[in-house]
Amino acid sequence: MPKRRRTRTAGNSVTKRIALNKHIATLQKEINRLKREQAGVSRDEFGEVVASVRQLQRNTDDIAKHTLDLATQLTRMGQIQAEVDEIKRALKKAKLLDETR
């Protein structure tokens, strides 16, 4: 049985998630500031900001899900490559495969 290869999650997705979380925090601070100052914000504008925050959270969740899916696919590809290598070795040993390849 071939060795299992270690998988690494892409650091880039973590960076994106952190950036999105920072953006969400910034928007939340802005909402809180506007509430404190009792700024003349219309109900529609406030609703738009809340909708944006919710959309950012959905995007963050989607990125996390897709990152996990990608890690799973890469693991599967590694397993398939290990199996292909094992088959090649068996064919070479049985002298059914040209060794110049």
PDB file of N, CA and C in Angstrom:
ATOM      1  N   MET A   1       0.852  -1.175   0.000  1.00  0.00           N
ATOM      2  CA  MET A   1       0.000   0.000   0.000  1.00  0.00           C
ATOM      3  C   MET A   1       0.898   1.238   0.000  1.00  0.00           C
ATOM      4  N   PRO A   2       0.654   2.180  -0.864  1.00  0.00           N
ATOM      5  CA  PRO A   2       1.504   3.371  -0.959  1.00  0.00           C
ATOM      6  C   PRO A   2       1.341   4.260   0.273  1.00  0.00           C
ATOM      7  N   LYS A   3       2.408   5.006   0.556  1.00  0.00           N
ATOM      8  CA  LYS A   3       2.363   5.936   1.674  1.00  0.00           C
ATOM      9  C   LYS A   3       1.375   7.050   1.365  1.00  0.00           C
ATOM     10  N   ARG A   4       0.731   7.512   2.387  1.00  0.00           N
ATOM     11  CA  ARG A   4      -0.161   8.651   2.206  1.00  0.00           C
ATOM     12  C   ARG A   4       0.666   9.920   2.212  1.00  0.00           C
ATOM     13  N   ARG A   5       0.351  10.779   1.309  1.00  0.00           N
ATOM     14  CA  ARG A   5       1.065  12.045   1.226  1.00  0.00           C
ATOM     15  C   ARG A   5       0.377  13.070   2.112  1.00  0.00           C
ATOM     16  N   ARG A   6       1.177  13.905   2.716  1.00  0.00           N
ATOM     17  CA  ARG A   6       0.620  14.971   3.537  1.00  0.00           C
ATOM     18  C   ARG A   6       0.053  16.049   2.631  1.00  0.00           C
ATOM     19  N   THR A   7      -1.032  16.610   3.058  1.00  0.00           N
ATOM     20  CA  THR A   7      -1.613  17.709   2.297  1.00  0.00           C
ATOM     21  C   THR A   7      -1.447  18.978   3.098  1.00  0.00           C
ATOM     22  N   ARG A   8      -1.286  20.053   2.382  1.00  0.00           N
ATOM     23  CA  ARG A   8      -1.200  21.360   3.012  1.00  0.00           C
ATOM     24  C   ARG A   8      -2.334  22.206   2.475  1.00  0.00           C
ATOM     25  N   THR A   9      -2.983  22.886   3.388  1.00  0.00           N
ATOM     26  CA  THR A   9      -4.007  23.796   2.916  1.00  0.00           C
ATOM     27  C   THR A   9      -3.320  25.030   2.356  1.00  0.00           C
ATOM     28  N   ALA A  10      -3.933  25.591   1.381  1.00  0.00           N
ATOM     29  CA  ALA A  10      -3.340  26.756   0.723  1.00  0.00           C
ATOM     30  C   ALA A  10      -3.331  27.933   1.686  1.00  0.00           C
ATOM     31  N   GLY A  11      -2.175  28.487   1.933  1.00  0.00           N
ATOM     32  CA  GLY A  11      -2.051  29.633   2.819  1.00  0.00           C
ATOM     33  C   GLY A  11      -2.754  30.848   2.254  1.00  0.00           C
ATOM     34  N   ASN A  12      -2.890  30.890   0.961  1.00  0.00           N
ATOM     35  CA  ASN A  12      -3.525  32.017   0.300  1.00  0.00           C
ATOM     36  C   ASN A  12      -4.984  32.154   0.736  1.00  0.00           C
ATOM     37  N   SER A  13      -5.708  31.046   0.884  1.00  0.00           N
ATOM     38  CA  SER A  13      -7.115  31.111   1.272  1.00  0.00           C
ATOM     39  C   SER A  13      -7.249  31.609   2.702  1.00  0.00           C
ATOM     40  N   VAL A  14      -6.297  31.232   3.545  1.00  0.00           N
ATOM     41  CA  VAL A  14      -6.324  31.718   4.922  1.00  0.00           C
ATOM     42  C   VAL A  14      -6.141  33.228   4.920  1.00  0.00           C
ATOM     43  N   THR A  15      -5.233  33.704   4.107  1.00  0.00           N
ATOM     44  CA  THR A  15      -4.994  35.144   4.007  1.00  0.00           C
ATOM     45  C   THR A  15      -6.256  35.853   3.520  1.00  0.00           C
ATOM     46  N   LYS A  16      -6.917  35.271   2.531  1.00  0.00           N
ATOM     47  CA  LYS A  16      -8.149  35.874   2.011  1.00  0.00           C
ATOM     48  C   LYS A  16      -9.224  35.903   3.090  1.00  0.00           C
ATOM     49  N   ARG A  17      -9.333  34.811   3.844  1.00  0.00           N
ATOM     50  CA  ARG A  17     -10.348  34.752   4.890  1.00  0.00           C
ATOM     51  C   ARG A  17     -10.063  35.789   5.967  1.00  0.00           C
ATOM     52  N   ILE A  18      -8.788  35.937   6.338  1.00  0.00           N
ATOM     53  CA  ILE A  18      -8.423  36.938   7.337  1.00  0.00           C
ATOM     54  C   ILE A  18      -8.765  38.331   6.821  1.00  0.00           C
ATOM     55  N   ALA A  19      -8.455  38.583   5.550  1.00  0.00           N
ATOM     56  CA  ALA A  19      -8.754  39.888   4.958  1.00  0.00           C
ATOM     57  C   ALA A  19     -10.263  40.152   4.958  1.00  0.00           C
ATOM     58  N   LEU A  20     -11.044  39.129   4.617  1.00  0.00           N
ATOM     59  CA  LEU A  20     -12.499  39.301   4.613  1.00  0.00           C
ATOM     60  C   LEU A  20     -13.012  39.549   6.026  1.00  0.00           C
ATOM     61  N   ASN A  21     -12.469  38.827   7.000  1.00  0.00           N
ATOM     62  CA  ASN A  21     -12.894  39.033   8.384  1.00  0.00           C
ATOM     63  C   ASN A  21     -12.542  40.441   8.854  1.00  0.00           C
ATOM     64  N   LYS A  22     -11.379  40.942   8.439  1.00  0.00           N
ATOM     65  CA  LYS A  22     -10.999  42.310   8.793  1.00  0.00           C
ATOM     66  C   LYS A  22     -11.961  43.302   8.158  1.00  0.00           C
ATOM     67  N   HIS A  23     -12.349  43.030   6.909  1.00  0.00           N
ATOM     68  CA  HIS A  23     -13.287  43.920   6.216  1.00  0.00           C
ATOM     69  C   HIS A  23     -14.638  43.904   6.930  1.00  0.00           C
ATOM     70  N   ILE A  24     -15.078  42.735   7.347  1.00  0.00           N
ATOM     71  CA  ILE A  24     -16.342  42.621   8.087  1.00  0.00           C
ATOM     72  C   ILE A  24     -16.255  43.420   9.384  1.00  0.00           C
ATOM     73  N   ALA A  25     -15.133  43.281  10.096  1.00  0.00           N
ATOM     74  CA  ALA A  25     -14.951  44.011  11.350  1.00  0.00           C
ATOM     75  C   ALA A  25     -14.972  45.520  11.110  1.00  0.00           C
ATOM     76  N   THR A  26     -14.357  45.958  10.027  1.00  0.00           N
ATOM     77  CA  THR A  26     -14.343  47.386   9.689  1.00  0.00           C
ATOM     78  C   THR A  26     -15.755  47.888   9.426  1.00  0.00           C
ATOM     79  N   LEU A  27     -16.521  47.114   8.666  1.00  0.00           N
ATOM     80  CA  LEU A  27     -17.905  47.514   8.394  1.00  0.00           C
ATOM     81  C   LEU A  27     -18.728  47.541   9.677  1.00  0.00           C
ATOM     82  N   GLN A  28     -18.501  46.573  10.565  1.00  0.00           N
ATOM     83  CA  GLN A  28     -19.235  46.533  11.829  1.00  0.00           C
ATOM     84  C   GLN A  28     -18.888  47.746  12.692  1.00  0.00           C
ATOM     85  N   LYS A  29     -17.600  48.127  12.699  1.00  0.00           N
ATOM     86  CA  LYS A  29     -17.199  49.325  13.450  1.00  0.00           C
ATOM     87  C   LYS A  29     -17.882  50.566  12.894  1.00  0.00           C
ATOM     88  N   GLU A  30     -17.962  50.637  11.586  1.00  0.00           N
ATOM     89  CA  GLU A  30     -18.620  51.783  10.951  1.00  0.00           C
ATOM     90  C   GLU A  30     -20.099  51.826  11.326  1.00  0.00           C
ATOM     91  N   ILE A  31     -20.743  50.678  11.341  1.00  0.00           N
ATOM     92  CA  ILE A  31     -22.156  50.619  11.749  1.00  0.00           C
ATOM     93  C   ILE A  31     -22.294  51.117  13.180  1.00  0.00           C
ATOM     94  N   ASN A  32     -21.430  50.629  14.049  1.00  0.00           N
ATOM     95  CA  ASN A  32     -21.490  51.041  15.462  1.00  0.00           C
ATOM     96  C   ASN A  32     -21.226  52.536  15.619  1.00  0.00           C
ATOM     97  N   ARG A  33     -20.275  53.074  14.861  1.00  0.00           N
ATOM     98  CA  ARG A  33     -19.968  54.502  14.934  1.00  0.00           C
ATOM     99  C   ARG A  33     -21.179  55.327  14.511  1.00  0.00           C
ATOM    100  N   LEU A  34     -21.806  54.895  13.422  1.00  0.00           N
ATOM    101  CA  LEU A  34     -22.986  55.628  12.946  1.00  0.00           C
ATOM    102  C   LEU A  34     -24.116  55.575  13.970  1.00  0.00           C
ATOM    103  N   LYS A  35     -24.267  54.459  14.630  1.00  0.00           N
ATOM    104  CA  LYS A  35     -25.300  54.353  15.657  1.00  0.00           C
ATOM    105  C   LYS A  35     -25.006  55.308  16.813  1.00  0.00           C
ATOM    106  N   ARG A  36     -23.721  55.347  17.237  1.00  0.00           N
ATOM    107  CA  ARG A  36     -23.345  56.214  18.361  1.00  0.00           C
ATOM    108  C   ARG A  36     -23.575  57.682  18.024  1.00  0.00           C
ATOM    109  N   GLU A  37     -23.204  58.069  16.844  1.00  0.00           N
ATOM    110  CA  GLU A  37     -23.317  59.470  16.447  1.00  0.00           C
ATOM    111  C   GLU A  37     -24.734  59.837  16.031  1.00  0.00           C
ATOM    112  N   GLN A  38     -25.568  58.866  15.958  1.00  0.00           N
ATOM    113  CA  GLN A  38     -26.945  59.069  15.505  1.00  0.00           C
ATOM    114  C   GLN A  38     -26.955  59.863  14.203  1.00  0.00           C
ATOM    115  N   ALA A  39     -26.090  59.427  13.312  1.00  0.00           N
ATOM    116  CA  ALA A  39     -25.978  60.086  12.020  1.00  0.00           C
ATOM    117  C   ALA A  39     -27.273  59.890  11.240  1.00  0.00           C
ATOM    118  N   GLY A  40     -27.508  60.839  10.362  1.00  0.00           N
ATOM    119  CA  GLY A  40     -28.718  60.774   9.560  1.00  0.00           C
ATOM    120  C   GLY A  40     -28.596  59.723   8.466  1.00  0.00           C
ATOM    121  N   VAL A  41     -28.660  58.467   8.840  1.00  0.00           N
ATOM    122  CA  VAL A  41     -28.559  57.385   7.880  1.00  0.00           C
ATOM    123  C   VAL A  41     -29.967  56.862   7.617  1.00  0.00           C
ATOM    124  N   SER A  42     -30.269  56.752   6.369  1.00  0.00           N
ATOM    125  CA  SER A  42     -31.598  56.252   6.041  1.00  0.00           C
ATOM    126  C   SER A  42     -31.677  54.753   6.307  1.00  0.00           C
ATOM    127  N   ARG A  43     -32.862  54.288   6.462  1.00  0.00           N
ATOM    128  CA  ARG A  43     -33.092  52.854   6.718  1.00  0.00           C
ATOM    129  C   ARG A  43     -32.558  52.024   5.549  1.00  0.00           C
ATOM    130  N   ASP A  44     -32.699  52.525   4.334  1.00  0.00           N
ATOM    131  CA  ASP A  44     -32.210  51.801   3.153  1.00  0.00           C
ATOM    132  C   ASP A  44     -30.692  51.681   3.161  1.00  0.00           C
ATOM    133  N   GLU A  45     -30.001  52.774   3.520  1.00  0.00           N
ATOM    134  CA  GLU A  45     -28.540  52.727   3.575  1.00  0.00           C
ATOM    135  C   GLU A  45     -28.060  51.735   4.626  1.00  0.00           C
ATOM    136  N   PHE A  46     -28.692  51.754   5.771  1.00  0.00           N
ATOM    137  CA  PHE A  46     -28.331  50.819   6.831  1.00  0.00           C
ATOM    138  C   PHE A  46     -28.583  49.381   6.360  1.00  0.00           C
ATOM    139  N   GLY A  47     -29.690  49.166   5.697  1.00  0.00           N
ATOM    140  CA  GLY A  47     -30.009  47.831   5.167  1.00  0.00           C
ATOM    141  C   GLY A  47     -28.978  47.363   4.156  1.00  0.00           C
ATOM    142  N   GLU A  48     -28.490  48.290   3.330  1.00  0.00           N
ATOM    143  CA  GLU A  48     -27.452  47.942   2.352  1.00  0.00           C
ATOM    144  C   GLU A  48     -26.156  47.513   3.033  1.00  0.00           C
ATOM    145  N   VAL A  49     -25.778  48.226   4.095  1.00  0.00           N
ATOM    146  CA  VAL A  49     -24.549  47.876   4.819  1.00  0.00           C
ATOM    147  C   VAL A  49     -24.702  46.502   5.473  1.00  0.00           C
ATOM    148  N   VAL A  50     -25.836  46.262   6.081  1.00  0.00           N
ATOM    149  CA  VAL A  50     -26.083  44.963   6.714  1.00  0.00           C
ATOM    150  C   VAL A  50     -26.069  43.855   5.664  1.00  0.00           C
ATOM    151  N   ALA A  51     -26.673  44.110   4.518  1.00  0.00           N
ATOM    152  CA  ALA A  51     -26.671  43.111   3.450  1.00  0.00           C
ATOM    153  C   ALA A  51     -25.250  42.845   2.960  1.00  0.00           C
ATOM    154  N   SER A  52     -24.431  43.901   2.885  1.00  0.00           N
ATOM    155  CA  SER A  52     -23.032  43.732   2.466  1.00  0.00           C
ATOM    156  C   SER A  52     -22.264  42.876   3.467  1.00  0.00           C
ATOM    157  N   VAL A  53     -22.483  43.132   4.736  1.00  0.00           N
ATOM    158  CA  VAL A  53     -21.806  42.337   5.775  1.00  0.00           C
ATOM    159  C   VAL A  53     -22.223  40.872   5.665  1.00  0.00           C
ATOM    160  N   ARG A  54     -23.486  40.641   5.465  1.00  0.00           N
ATOM    161  CA  ARG A  54     -23.966  39.251   5.333  1.00  0.00           C
ATOM    162  C   ARG A  54     -23.386  38.581   4.085  1.00  0.00           C
ATOM    163  N   GLN A  55     -23.306  39.327   2.980  1.00  0.00           N
ATOM    164  CA  GLN A  55     -22.731  38.774   1.754  1.00  0.00           C
ATOM    165  C   GLN A  55     -21.264  38.436   1.949  1.00  0.00           C
ATOM    166  N   LEU A  56     -20.529  39.312   2.641  1.00  0.00           N
ATOM    167  CA  LEU A  56     -19.117  39.035   2.929  1.00  0.00           C
ATOM    168  C   LEU A  56     -18.966  37.776   3.766  1.00  0.00           C
ATOM    169  N   GLN A  57     -19.848  37.590   4.736  1.00  0.00           N
ATOM    170  CA  GLN A  57     -19.777  36.383   5.565  1.00  0.00           C
ATOM    171  C   GLN A  57     -20.070  35.142   4.726  1.00  0.00           C
ATOM    172  N   ARG A  58     -21.060  35.235   3.836  1.00  0.00           N
ATOM    173  CA  ARG A  58     -21.352  34.089   2.950  1.00  0.00           C
ATOM    174  C   ARG A  58     -20.149  33.785   2.062  1.00  0.00           C
ATOM    175  N   ASN A  59     -19.509  34.839   1.533  1.00  0.00           N
ATOM    176  CA  ASN A  59     -18.320  34.642   0.695  1.00  0.00           C
ATOM    177  C   ASN A  59     -17.199  33.983   1.481  1.00  0.00           C
ATOM    178  N   THR A  60     -17.008  34.429   2.720  1.00  0.00           N
ATOM    179  CA  THR A  60     -15.976  33.844   3.581  1.00  0.00           C
ATOM    180  C   THR A  60     -16.260  32.365   3.823  1.00  0.00           C
ATOM    181  N   ASP A  61     -17.502  32.046   4.100  1.00  0.00           N
ATOM    182  CA  ASP A  61     -17.878  30.646   4.320  1.00  0.00           C
ATOM    183  C   ASP A  61     -17.664  29.812   3.056  1.00  0.00           C
ATOM    184  N   ASP A  62     -18.004  30.384   1.899  1.00  0.00           N
ATOM    185  CA  ASP A  62     -17.796  29.675   0.630  1.00  0.00           C
ATOM    186  C   ASP A  62     -16.318  29.416   0.366  1.00  0.00           C
ATOM    187  N   ILE A  63     -15.476  30.411   0.664  1.00  0.00           N
ATOM    188  CA  ILE A  63     -14.034  30.234   0.465  1.00  0.00           C
ATOM    189  C   ILE A  63     -13.524  29.107   1.346  1.00  0.00           C
ATOM    190  N   ALA A  64     -13.970  29.074   2.590  1.00  0.00           N
ATOM    191  CA  ALA A  64     -13.538  28.007   3.502  1.00  0.00           C
ATOM    192  C   ALA A  64     -13.981  26.643   2.976  1.00  0.00           C
ATOM    193  N   LYS A  65     -15.211  26.551   2.480  1.00  0.00           N
ATOM    194  CA  LYS A  65     -15.720  25.281   1.946  1.00  0.00           C
ATOM    195  C   LYS A  65     -14.931  24.854   0.711  1.00  0.00           C
ATOM    196  N   HIS A  66     -14.685  25.797  -0.202  1.00  0.00           N
ATOM    197  CA  HIS A  66     -13.957  25.463  -1.423  1.00  0.00           C
ATOM    198  C   HIS A  66     -12.504  25.094  -1.128  1.00  0.00           C
ATOM    199  N   THR A  67     -11.927  25.707  -0.110  1.00  0.00           N
ATOM    200  CA  THR A  67     -10.564  25.361   0.294  1.00  0.00           C
ATOM    201  C   THR A  67     -10.510  23.916   0.756  1.00  0.00           C
ATOM    202  N   LEU A  68     -11.480  23.517   1.548  1.00  0.00           N
ATOM    203  CA  LEU A  68     -11.542  22.136   2.018  1.00  0.00           C
ATOM    204  C   LEU A  68     -11.756  21.172   0.851  1.00  0.00           C
ATOM    205  N   ASP A  69     -12.643  21.533  -0.073  1.00  0.00           N
ATOM    206  CA  ASP A  69     -12.878  20.696  -1.253  1.00  0.00           C
ATOM    207  C   ASP A  69     -11.611  20.546  -2.091  1.00  0.00           C
ATOM    208  N   LEU A  70     -10.889  21.634  -2.267  1.00  0.00           N
ATOM    209  CA  LEU A  70      -9.651  21.597  -3.042  1.00  0.00           C
ATOM    210  C   LEU A  70      -8.601  20.728  -2.356  1.00  0.00           C
ATOM    211  N   ALA A  71      -8.490  20.845  -1.050  1.00  0.00           N
ATOM    212  CA  ALA A  71      -7.533  20.007  -0.313  1.00  0.00           C
ATOM    213  C   ALA A  71      -7.877  18.532  -0.481  1.00  0.00           C
ATOM    214  N   THR A  72      -9.157  18.209  -0.460  1.00  0.00           N
ATOM    215  CA  THR A  72      -9.601  16.824  -0.657  1.00  0.00           C
ATOM    216  C   THR A  72      -9.242  16.344  -2.057  1.00  0.00           C
ATOM    217  N   GLN A  73      -9.476  17.171  -3.058  1.00  0.00           N
ATOM    218  CA  GLN A  73      -9.154  16.798  -4.431  1.00  0.00           C
ATOM    219  C   GLN A  73      -7.660  16.601  -4.629  1.00  0.00           C
ATOM    220  N   LEU A  74      -6.863  17.468  -4.028  1.00  0.00           N
ATOM    221  CA  LEU A  74      -5.412  17.321  -4.144  1.00  0.00           C
ATOM    222  C   LEU A  74      -4.934  16.039  -3.463  1.00  0.00           C
ATOM    223  N   THR A  75      -5.542  15.689  -2.352  1.00  0.00           N
ATOM    224  CA  THR A  75      -5.201  14.434  -1.677  1.00  0.00           C
ATOM    225  C   THR A  75      -5.521  13.254  -2.584  1.00  0.00           C
ATOM    226  N   ARG A  76      -6.683  13.291  -3.207  1.00  0.00           N
ATOM    227  CA  ARG A  76      -7.079  12.210  -4.118  1.00  0.00           C
ATOM    228  C   ARG A  76      -6.112  12.116  -5.297  1.00  0.00           C
ATOM    229  N   MET A  77      -5.713  13.269  -5.827  1.00  0.00           N
ATOM    230  CA  MET A  77      -4.769  13.259  -6.951  1.00  0.00           C
ATOM    231  C   MET A  77      -3.442  12.637  -6.534  1.00  0.00           C
ATOM    232  N   GLY A  78      -3.002  12.935  -5.323  1.00  0.00           N
ATOM    233  CA  GLY A  78      -1.765  12.342  -4.817  1.00  0.00           C
ATOM    234  C   GLY A  78      -1.884  10.835  -4.681  1.00  0.00           C
ATOM    235  N   GLN A  79      -3.026  10.366  -4.216  1.00  0.00           N
ATOM    236  CA  GLN A  79      -3.249   8.932  -4.078  1.00  0.00           C
ATOM    237  C   GLN A  79      -3.273   8.250  -5.447  1.00  0.00           C
ATOM    238  N   ILE A  80      -3.904   8.885  -6.404  1.00  0.00           N
ATOM    239  CA  ILE A  80      -3.958   8.320  -7.756  1.00  0.00           C
ATOM    240  C   ILE A  80      -2.559   8.263  -8.355  1.00  0.00           C
ATOM    241  N   GLN A  81      -1.762   9.335  -8.148  1.00  0.00           N
ATOM    242  CA  GLN A  81      -0.395   9.343  -8.664  1.00  0.00           C
ATOM    243  C   GLN A  81       0.425   8.225  -8.039  1.00  0.00           C
ATOM    244  N   ALA A  82       0.240   7.979  -6.754  1.00  0.00           N
ATOM    245  CA  ALA A  82       0.965   6.891  -6.083  1.00  0.00           C
ATOM    246  C   ALA A  82       0.568   5.536  -6.677  1.00  0.00           C
ATOM    247  N   GLU A  83      -0.709   5.365  -6.977  1.00  0.00           N
ATOM    248  CA  GLU A  83      -1.168   4.118  -7.583  1.00  0.00           C
ATOM    249  C   GLU A  83      -0.601   3.951  -8.995  1.00  0.00           C
ATOM    250  N   VAL A  84      -0.556   5.026  -9.767  1.00  0.00           N
ATOM    251  CA  VAL A  84       0.011   4.970 -11.119  1.00  0.00           C
ATOM    252  C   VAL A  84       1.488   4.583 -11.051  1.00  0.00           C
ATOM    253  N   ASP A  85       2.205   5.185 -10.108  1.00  0.00           N
ATOM    254  CA  ASP A  85       3.623   4.855  -9.943  1.00  0.00           C
ATOM    255  C   ASP A  85       3.805   3.382  -9.571  1.00  0.00           C
ATOM    256  N   GLU A  86       2.928   2.877  -8.723  1.00  0.00           N
ATOM    257  CA  GLU A  86       2.996   1.469  -8.320  1.00  0.00           C
ATOM    258  C   GLU A  86       2.743   0.546  -9.514  1.00  0.00           C
ATOM    259  N   ILE A  87       1.782   0.907 -10.350  1.00  0.00           N
ATOM    260  CA  ILE A  87       1.477   0.108 -11.550  1.00  0.00           C
ATOM    261  C   ILE A  87       2.662   0.137 -12.513  1.00  0.00           C
ATOM    262  N   LYS A  88       3.269   1.306 -12.681  1.00  0.00           N
ATOM    263  CA  LYS A  88       4.436   1.422 -13.567  1.00  0.00           C
ATOM    264  C   LYS A  88       5.576   0.523 -13.084  1.00  0.00           C
ATOM    265  N   ARG A  89       5.816   0.557 -11.764  1.00  0.00           N
ATOM    266  CA  ARG A  89       6.888  -0.290 -11.221  1.00  0.00           C
ATOM    267  C   ARG A  89       6.595  -1.772 -11.465  1.00  0.00           C
ATOM    268  N   ALA A  90       5.331  -2.162 -11.302  1.00  0.00           N
ATOM    269  CA  ALA A  90       4.959  -3.561 -11.522  1.00  0.00           C
ATOM    270  C   ALA A  90       5.145  -3.941 -12.993  1.00  0.00           C
ATOM    271  N   LEU A  91       4.776  -3.045 -13.902  1.00  0.00           N
ATOM    272  CA  LEU A  91       4.924  -3.324 -15.332  1.00  0.00           C
ATOM    273  C   LEU A  91       6.398  -3.414 -15.721  1.00  0.00           C
ATOM    274  N   LYS A  92       7.223  -2.535 -15.151  1.00  0.00           N
ATOM    275  CA  LYS A  92       8.661  -2.584 -15.438  1.00  0.00           C
ATOM    276  C   LYS A  92       9.262  -3.877 -14.907  1.00  0.00           C
ATOM    277  N   LYS A  93       8.824  -4.269 -13.729  1.00  0.00           N
ATOM    278  CA  LYS A  93       9.357  -5.499 -13.116  1.00  0.00           C
ATOM    279  C   LYS A  93       8.978  -6.716 -13.968  1.00  0.00           C
ATOM    280  N   ALA A  94       7.788  -6.674 -14.536  1.00  0.00           N
ATOM    281  CA  ALA A  94       7.319  -7.764 -15.373  1.00  0.00           C
ATOM    282  C   ALA A  94       7.828  -7.606 -16.807  1.00  0.00           C
ATOM    283  N   LYS A  95       8.600  -6.555 -17.046  1.00  0.00           N
ATOM    284  CA  LYS A  95       9.206  -6.249 -18.349  1.00  0.00           C
ATOM    285  C   LYS A  95       8.121  -6.082 -19.433  1.00  0.00           C
ATOM    286  N   LEU A  96       7.013  -5.492 -19.044  1.00  0.00           N
ATOM    287  CA  LEU A  96       5.931  -5.205 -19.989  1.00  0.00           C
ATOM    288  C   LEU A  96       5.935  -3.725 -20.395  1.00  0.00           C
ATOM    289  N   LEU A  97       6.785  -2.957 -19.752  1.00  0.00           N
ATOM    290  CA  LEU A  97       6.865  -1.545 -20.042  1.00  0.00           C
ATOM    291  C   LEU A  97       8.298  -1.194 -20.414  1.00  0.00           C
ATOM    292  N   ASP A  98       8.437  -0.431 -21.481  1.00  0.00           N
ATOM    293  CA  ASP A  98       9.764  -0.028 -21.928  1.00  0.00           C
ATOM    294  C   ASP A  98      10.374   0.876 -20.867  1.00  0.00           C
ATOM    295  N   GLU A  99      11.574   0.567 -20.422  1.00  0.00           N
ATOM    296  CA  GLU A  99      12.203   1.295 -19.333  1.00  0.00           C
ATOM    297  C   GLU A  99      12.821   2.620 -19.770  1.00  0.00           C
ATOM    298  N   THR A 100      12.758   2.926 -21.036  1.00  0.00           N
ATOM    299  CA  THR A 100      13.329   4.193 -21.509  1.00  0.00           C
ATOM    300  C   THR A 100      12.373   5.358 -21.261  1.00  0.00           C
ATOM    301  N   ARG A 101      11.177   5.093 -20.923  1.00  0.00           N
ATOM    302  CA  ARG A 101      10.206   6.160 -20.665  1.00  0.00           C
ATOM    303  C   ARG A 101      10.347   6.712 -19.278  1.00  0.00           C
TER     304      ARG A 101
END
